[in-house]
Amino acid sequence: MNKVWLITGAGSGLGRAVAEAAVADGDVVVGAARRPEGLDDLVAAHPDQVEALRLDVADTAAAEPAVRDVVARHGRIDVLVNNAGRGHVGAFEETTEDELRALFDVHVFGPAALVRAVLPYMRSRRSGSIVQMSSMGGQTSYPGFSAYSGTKFALEGMSEALAGEVAEYGIKVLVVEPGAFRTSLYDGTQASADGGAYATVGGTRAMVDAGFDERAGDPAKAAALVLAALEAGRTPLRLPLGDDSVSAVLDHLDQVREDVLAWEKRTRRTGFRD
């Protein structure tokens, strides 16, 4: 039976690529976006398979009515893809509380509200998939990306626990960790005021301003791999995407292991009886 997908941020980038891949598989896609007109061409080309839904994920109160409406019209949601997001660059000290909260609204509270809204329907059917679009920045971070990575780390921690909770209902959770892909992510990147105190952040700002180069990944190939991972007999919890992401995640794991082992004997001996 063909699936029903609800994809946020479906108007461009990886969200659009996943929507196109699902449509090519014969599935039904409800593409949610703050500017749904970005989906007009896909709706026109596949009027029986694609719908556009106006939704700002930062408006958490809109999540439940949106999900209820999709289920009322299609009977179910088989796959939720929390893809909507944007970039942010700025030193930790330079990032204001309002900037940090706004980013958490988009990357954490919005996806959480949608997950809460779809789970009762998925649990009742004992099936479904939740795809959380994270980033290689959800596993490791760099100067200038403290706020962005903070939201993605939070999303990944919540999703890891979620996966253990919903497994008994036959629900899959897939955390996708893309590296650099040719999307509009950098176009929507916001920046904290540059106080000039942190030279290490200057390089990050320059990289974001330059955008992606010819080495950036192909969103269509990324989308195909997401669909393949969902169909696999054992869907991984985490799926790094792109050579840069795989290398960064593995290097980070090596560094964590090195740090832990260097202090292992002393850290193990911190109990009352030691």
Protein backbone atom coordinates (compact mmCIF):
# COMPACT_ATOMS: atom_id res chain seq x y z
CA MET A 1 0.00 0.00 0.00
CA ASN A 2 1.33 3.43 -0.90
CA LYS A 3 2.41 5.61 2.01
CA VAL A 4 1.22 9.02 3.16
CA TRP A 5 4.05 11.40 3.98
CA LEU A 6 3.97 14.66 5.94
CA ILE A 7 7.17 16.58 5.16
CA THR A 8 8.02 19.95 6.67
CA GLY A 9 10.23 22.36 4.79
CA ALA A 10 9.16 20.54 1.62
CA GLY A 11 9.43 23.54 -0.67
CA SER A 12 13.18 23.31 -1.18
CA GLY A 13 16.39 21.48 -0.38
CA LEU A 14 16.40 18.03 1.13
CA GLY A 15 12.71 18.27 2.02
CA ARG A 16 11.85 18.84 -1.61
CA ALA A 17 14.16 16.01 -2.70
CA VAL A 18 12.54 13.56 -0.28
CA ALA A 19 9.10 14.67 -1.47
CA GLU A 20 10.06 14.04 -5.09
CA ALA A 21 11.51 10.62 -4.25
CA ALA A 22 8.35 9.62 -2.38
CA VAL A 23 6.18 10.76 -5.28
CA ALA A 24 8.32 8.75 -7.69
CA ASP A 25 7.59 5.72 -5.51
CA GLY A 26 3.87 6.34 -5.99
CA ASP A 27 3.28 7.70 -2.50
CA VAL A 28 1.14 10.62 -1.36
CA VAL A 29 2.99 13.67 -0.04
CA VAL A 30 1.62 16.49 2.05
CA GLY A 31 4.32 19.12 1.80
CA ALA A 32 4.30 21.64 4.60
CA ALA A 33 6.06 24.98 4.30
CA ARG A 34 5.80 28.56 5.46
CA ARG A 35 5.57 29.47 1.76
CA PRO A 36 3.64 26.57 0.19
CA GLU A 37 3.69 28.23 -3.23
CA GLY A 38 7.17 26.75 -3.54
CA LEU A 39 5.41 23.44 -4.14
CA ASP A 40 3.06 24.71 -6.86
CA ASP A 41 4.98 23.00 -9.67
CA LEU A 42 5.06 19.64 -7.88
CA VAL A 43 1.35 19.88 -7.08
CA ALA A 44 0.58 20.75 -10.71
CA ALA A 45 2.65 17.83 -12.00
CA HIS A 46 1.15 15.32 -9.54
CA PRO A 47 -2.26 16.64 -8.45
CA ASP A 48 -3.38 13.23 -7.17
CA GLN A 49 -0.25 12.70 -5.07
CA VAL A 50 0.89 16.06 -3.74
CA GLU A 51 -0.75 18.64 -1.52
CA ALA A 52 0.77 21.83 -0.17
CA LEU A 53 0.10 22.83 3.41
CA ARG A 54 0.91 26.22 4.93
CA LEU A 55 2.65 25.55 8.24
CA ASP A 56 5.21 27.39 10.31
CA VAL A 57 6.77 24.72 12.52
CA ALA A 58 7.74 27.35 15.08
CA ASP A 59 4.01 27.78 15.74
CA THR A 60 3.69 24.68 17.91
CA ALA A 61 -0.04 25.26 18.47
CA ALA A 62 -0.60 24.60 14.75
CA ALA A 63 0.94 21.12 14.82
CA GLU A 64 -2.00 19.14 16.16
CA PRO A 65 -4.67 20.73 13.92
CA ALA A 66 -2.43 20.22 10.89
CA VAL A 67 -1.89 16.54 11.67
CA ARG A 68 -5.57 16.03 12.43
CA ASP A 69 -6.50 17.57 9.09
CA VAL A 70 -4.09 15.35 7.14
CA VAL A 71 -5.37 12.22 8.88
CA ALA A 72 -8.98 13.26 8.28
CA ARG A 73 -8.34 13.55 4.56
CA HIS A 74 -5.95 10.62 4.04
CA GLY A 75 -6.77 8.28 6.89
CA ARG A 76 -3.23 8.10 8.26
CA ILE A 77 0.31 9.47 8.24
CA ASP A 78 2.87 6.77 7.54
CA VAL A 79 5.98 8.94 7.54
CA LEU A 80 6.63 12.23 9.31
CA VAL A 81 9.74 14.06 8.08
CA ASN A 82 10.81 16.91 10.35
CA ASN A 83 12.98 18.71 7.83
CA ALA A 84 12.22 22.42 8.20
CA GLY A 85 15.19 24.38 9.45
CA ARG A 86 17.67 27.15 8.92
CA GLY A 87 21.28 27.93 9.64
CA HIS A 88 22.75 30.21 12.25
CA VAL A 89 26.30 31.43 12.70
CA GLY A 90 27.77 33.36 15.59
CA ALA A 91 30.05 32.92 18.56
CA PHE A 92 28.48 31.56 21.74
CA GLU A 93 28.95 34.91 23.50
CA GLU A 94 27.52 36.84 20.56
CA THR A 95 24.34 34.77 20.24
CA THR A 96 21.45 36.45 22.03
CA GLU A 97 18.83 34.64 24.06
CA ASP A 98 16.14 35.60 21.54
CA GLU A 99 18.21 34.18 18.67
CA LEU A 100 18.82 30.95 20.56
CA ARG A 101 15.18 30.52 21.53
CA ALA A 102 14.00 31.18 17.97
CA LEU A 103 16.33 28.49 16.65
CA PHE A 104 15.15 25.99 19.26
CA ASP A 105 11.56 26.75 18.23
CA VAL A 106 12.32 25.67 14.66
CA HIS A 107 14.65 22.73 15.29
CA VAL A 108 13.39 21.30 18.59
CA PHE A 109 10.01 22.50 19.84
CA GLY A 110 8.38 22.46 16.41
CA PRO A 111 9.46 18.90 15.55
CA ALA A 112 8.57 17.76 19.07
CA ALA A 113 5.03 19.12 18.69
CA LEU A 114 4.57 17.30 15.38
CA VAL A 115 5.90 14.04 16.81
CA ARG A 116 3.49 14.29 19.74
CA ALA A 117 0.66 14.95 17.29
CA VAL A 118 1.34 11.97 15.00
CA LEU A 119 2.22 9.35 17.60
CA PRO A 120 -1.33 8.52 18.76
CA TYR A 121 -2.28 7.68 15.16
CA MET A 122 0.89 5.68 14.54
CA ARG A 123 0.53 3.79 17.82
CA SER A 124 -3.06 2.86 17.02
CA ARG A 125 -1.91 1.37 13.69
CA ARG A 126 1.29 -0.04 15.24
CA SER A 127 3.33 1.27 12.36
CA GLY A 128 4.96 4.43 11.07
CA SER A 129 8.26 6.19 10.62
CA ILE A 130 9.61 9.44 12.03
CA VAL A 131 12.51 11.03 10.17
CA GLN A 132 14.39 13.72 12.06
CA MET A 133 16.58 15.83 9.80
CA SER A 134 19.56 16.64 11.96
CA SER A 135 23.05 17.42 10.68
CA MET A 136 26.64 16.35 11.07
CA GLY A 137 26.42 19.28 13.49
CA GLY A 138 24.21 17.07 15.63
CA GLN A 139 27.22 14.90 16.41
CA THR A 140 30.09 17.38 16.40
CA SER A 141 30.41 21.15 16.41
CA TYR A 142 32.73 23.95 15.35
CA PRO A 143 33.38 27.58 16.32
CA GLY A 144 30.45 29.70 15.20
CA PHE A 145 27.92 26.88 15.21
CA SER A 146 27.20 26.61 18.93
CA ALA A 147 23.54 27.59 18.63
CA TYR A 148 22.88 25.51 15.52
CA SER A 149 24.58 22.43 16.91
CA GLY A 150 22.94 22.94 20.28
CA THR A 151 19.53 22.51 18.67
CA LYS A 152 20.63 19.48 16.67
CA PHE A 153 22.26 17.82 19.67
CA ALA A 154 18.98 18.32 21.54
CA LEU A 155 16.96 16.85 18.67
CA GLU A 156 19.22 13.80 18.50
CA GLY A 157 19.11 13.15 22.24
CA MET A 158 15.33 13.32 22.27
CA SER A 159 15.11 11.12 19.18
CA GLU A 160 17.36 8.42 20.63
CA ALA A 161 15.07 8.08 23.64
CA LEU A 162 12.01 8.28 21.38
CA ALA A 163 13.28 5.36 19.30
CA GLY A 164 13.46 3.16 22.38
CA GLU A 165 9.97 4.20 23.49
CA VAL A 166 8.12 3.57 20.23
CA ALA A 167 9.87 0.43 19.02
CA GLU A 168 7.27 -1.79 20.73
CA TYR A 169 4.63 -0.20 18.49
CA GLY A 170 6.51 -0.98 15.30
CA ILE A 171 7.43 2.68 14.78
CA LYS A 172 10.84 3.54 13.32
CA VAL A 173 12.93 6.61 14.13
CA LEU A 174 15.62 7.68 11.68
CA VAL A 175 17.98 10.57 12.49
CA VAL A 176 19.56 11.91 9.30
CA GLU A 177 22.88 13.75 9.59
CA PRO A 178 23.71 15.50 6.30
CA GLY A 179 26.94 17.27 5.60
CA ALA A 180 27.13 19.92 2.89
CA PHE A 181 24.48 19.45 0.20
CA ARG A 182 23.43 21.83 -2.55
CA THR A 183 20.39 23.26 -0.83
CA SER A 184 19.22 26.71 0.22
CA LEU A 185 20.21 26.17 3.87
CA TYR A 186 22.98 28.76 3.79
CA ASP A 187 20.70 31.21 1.97
CA GLY A 188 18.47 31.25 5.04
CA THR A 189 21.29 31.38 7.55
CA GLN A 190 21.01 34.11 10.13
CA ALA A 191 24.01 35.60 11.89
CA SER A 192 24.57 37.09 15.30
CA ALA A 193 26.22 40.48 15.43
CA ASP A 194 29.96 40.12 14.90
CA GLY A 195 31.74 41.56 17.90
CA GLY A 196 35.13 40.74 16.41
CA ALA A 197 36.41 39.03 19.55
CA TYR A 198 36.66 35.52 18.11
CA ALA A 199 38.94 35.00 15.13
CA THR A 200 37.95 31.33 14.88
CA VAL A 201 34.38 32.35 14.07
CA GLY A 202 35.52 34.57 11.20
CA GLY A 203 36.41 31.54 9.11
CA THR A 204 33.00 30.03 9.73
CA ARG A 205 31.26 33.24 8.70
CA ALA A 206 33.34 33.36 5.51
CA MET A 207 32.47 29.75 4.70
CA VAL A 208 28.76 30.42 5.12
CA ASP A 209 28.98 33.59 3.01
CA ALA A 210 30.75 31.67 0.23
CA GLY A 211 28.01 29.02 0.10
CA PHE A 212 28.49 25.53 -1.25
CA ASP A 213 31.08 24.53 -3.82
CA GLU A 214 31.21 21.76 -6.41
CA ARG A 215 31.92 19.18 -3.73
CA ALA A 216 28.53 19.63 -2.08
CA GLY A 217 26.28 16.61 -2.10
CA ASP A 218 23.39 15.76 -4.40
CA PRO A 219 20.01 16.09 -2.59
CA ALA A 220 18.41 13.50 -4.90
CA LYS A 221 20.98 10.88 -3.90
CA ALA A 222 20.50 11.79 -0.25
CA ALA A 223 16.73 11.38 -0.56
CA ALA A 224 17.11 7.99 -2.24
CA LEU A 225 19.26 6.82 0.67
CA VAL A 226 16.72 8.04 3.23
CA LEU A 227 14.00 6.01 1.52
CA ALA A 228 16.29 2.98 1.33
CA ALA A 229 17.09 3.24 5.05
CA LEU A 230 13.39 3.35 5.92
CA GLU A 231 12.75 0.24 3.82
CA ALA A 232 15.70 -1.70 5.23
CA GLY A 233 15.09 -4.68 7.46
CA ARG A 234 17.05 -2.88 10.15
CA THR A 235 16.65 0.87 9.85
CA PRO A 236 19.62 2.61 11.49
CA LEU A 237 19.01 5.13 14.23
CA ARG A 238 21.53 7.50 12.68
CA LEU A 239 22.35 8.01 9.01
CA PRO A 240 25.27 10.35 8.23
CA LEU A 241 24.98 11.62 4.66
CA GLY A 242 27.95 12.64 2.54
CA ASP A 243 31.66 11.96 2.71
CA ASP A 244 32.22 15.02 4.90
CA SER A 245 29.58 13.95 7.40
CA VAL A 246 30.80 10.37 7.67
CA SER A 247 34.39 11.52 8.19
CA ALA A 248 33.41 14.18 10.73
CA VAL A 249 31.23 11.80 12.76
CA LEU A 250 33.86 9.05 12.81
CA ASP A 251 36.62 11.51 13.74
CA HIS A 252 34.45 12.85 16.55
CA LEU A 253 33.78 9.37 17.89
CA ASP A 254 37.50 8.66 17.87
CA GLN A 255 38.14 11.87 19.83
CA VAL A 256 35.46 11.04 22.38
CA ARG A 257 36.92 7.56 22.84
CA GLU A 258 40.41 8.99 23.24
CA ASP A 259 39.25 11.43 25.91
CA VAL A 260 37.32 8.78 27.81
CA LEU A 261 40.18 6.25 27.76
CA ALA A 262 42.75 8.83 28.85
CA TRP A 263 40.86 9.41 32.10
CA GLU A 264 39.15 6.03 32.40
CA LYS A 265 40.98 4.68 35.46
CA ARG A 266 40.44 7.82 37.51
CA THR A 267 36.85 8.40 36.40
CA ARG A 268 35.86 4.82 37.23
CA ARG A 269 37.20 5.30 40.77
CA THR A 270 34.76 7.98 41.88
CA GLY A 271 32.38 5.76 43.82
CA PHE A 272 32.01 5.88 47.63
CA ARG A 273 33.85 2.56 47.98
CA ASP A 274 36.82 3.50 45.81
